[in-house]
Amino acid sequence: MPLWLHWIILGLIAGSLSKYLMPGRDPAGCLITIALGIIGSLLGGWIGSHLGWGDVGATGFSIRSIALATLGAIMLLLIGRLVVHFRRRA
């Protein structure tokens, strides 16, 4: 399986899990969910490698990779919601 396909599948899984774990209004579609998961994978892998928890491996799926990617995607969702909230108040 090509490397880019691994990242898309991991992004879809992590993005979907993050939206499930953080319910709320997110009008984003499937492509945005995949992008959220991919960027969350990069963020989660970076944080995990700096804390010694491991990194996100795109060559094979593991529970640790999915958990780190989902954690990164949740952080992105939280930051995005805070930005939208503060923009509405201003």
Protein backbone atom coordinates (compact mmCIF):
# COMPACT_ATOMS: atom_id res chain seq x y z
CA MET A 1 0.00 0.00 0.00
CA PRO A 2 1.45 3.42 -0.90
CA LEU A 3 2.58 5.73 1.91
CA TRP A 4 0.12 8.49 1.00
CA LEU A 5 -2.78 6.05 1.32
CA HIS A 6 -1.64 5.12 4.84
CA TRP A 7 -1.69 8.80 5.81
CA ILE A 8 -5.18 9.27 4.36
CA ILE A 9 -6.55 6.23 6.19
CA LEU A 10 -4.85 7.24 9.45
CA GLY A 11 -6.17 10.79 8.99
CA LEU A 12 -9.71 9.54 8.44
CA ILE A 13 -9.57 7.31 11.52
CA ALA A 14 -8.00 9.96 13.78
CA GLY A 15 -10.24 12.77 12.50
CA SER A 16 -13.38 10.69 12.92
CA LEU A 17 -12.41 9.57 16.42
CA SER A 18 -11.58 13.11 17.47
CA LYS A 19 -14.94 14.40 16.24
CA TYR A 20 -16.68 11.54 18.03
CA LEU A 21 -14.83 12.17 21.30
CA MET A 22 -15.40 15.95 21.12
CA PRO A 23 -19.04 16.34 20.12
CA GLY A 24 -20.25 19.72 19.01
CA ARG A 25 -20.97 21.74 15.90
CA ASP A 26 -18.39 21.04 13.25
CA PRO A 27 -19.81 21.66 9.79
CA ALA A 28 -16.74 20.16 8.12
CA GLY A 29 -17.08 17.34 5.65
CA CYS A 30 -15.06 14.22 4.95
CA LEU A 31 -12.07 15.96 3.33
CA ILE A 32 -11.69 18.39 6.22
CA THR A 33 -11.95 15.47 8.66
CA ILE A 34 -9.13 13.67 6.83
CA ALA A 35 -7.01 16.84 6.80
CA LEU A 36 -7.70 17.33 10.51
CA GLY A 37 -6.55 13.77 11.18
CA ILE A 38 -3.40 14.07 9.06
CA ILE A 39 -2.34 17.34 10.66
CA GLY A 40 -3.31 15.92 14.04
CA SER A 41 -1.10 12.91 13.29
CA LEU A 42 1.85 15.17 12.66
CA LEU A 43 1.16 17.17 15.83
CA GLY A 44 0.53 14.08 17.95
CA GLY A 45 3.66 12.37 16.61
CA TRP A 46 5.76 15.44 17.33
CA ILE A 47 4.43 15.74 20.88
CA GLY A 48 4.71 12.00 21.49
CA SER A 49 8.31 11.84 20.30
CA HIS A 50 9.29 14.78 22.52
CA LEU A 51 7.62 13.20 25.57
CA GLY A 52 9.10 9.76 24.89
CA TRP A 53 5.78 8.09 24.07
CA GLY A 54 6.84 7.06 20.57
CA ASP A 55 5.79 8.51 17.25
CA VAL A 56 3.16 8.06 14.59
CA GLY A 57 4.26 5.44 12.09
CA ALA A 58 2.68 5.70 8.68
CA THR A 59 4.04 2.37 7.49
CA GLY A 60 1.81 0.37 9.79
CA PHE A 61 -1.13 1.05 12.04
CA SER A 62 -0.88 0.51 15.76
CA ILE A 63 -2.98 1.54 18.70
CA ARG A 64 -0.25 3.97 19.79
CA SER A 65 -0.15 5.67 16.36
CA ILE A 66 -3.92 6.02 16.24
CA ALA A 67 -4.04 7.30 19.84
CA LEU A 68 -1.32 9.91 19.22
CA ALA A 69 -2.95 11.01 15.97
CA THR A 70 -6.34 11.29 17.66
CA LEU A 71 -4.83 13.26 20.55
CA GLY A 72 -3.28 15.69 18.06
CA ALA A 73 -6.57 16.02 16.17
CA ILE A 74 -8.46 16.69 19.42
CA MET A 75 -5.98 19.43 20.26
CA LEU A 76 -6.53 20.99 16.82
CA LEU A 77 -10.31 20.83 17.25
CA LEU A 78 -10.04 22.48 20.65
CA ILE A 79 -7.80 25.26 19.30
CA GLY A 80 -10.14 25.79 16.34
CA ARG A 81 -13.20 26.02 18.56
CA LEU A 82 -11.47 28.49 20.88
CA VAL A 83 -10.49 30.68 17.94
CA VAL A 84 -14.04 30.66 16.57
CA HIS A 85 -15.45 31.39 20.04
CA PHE A 86 -13.18 34.37 20.61
CA ARG A 87 -13.77 35.74 17.11
CA ARG A 88 -17.53 35.70 17.72
CA ARG A 89 -17.13 37.59 20.99
CA ALA A 90 -14.94 40.29 19.48
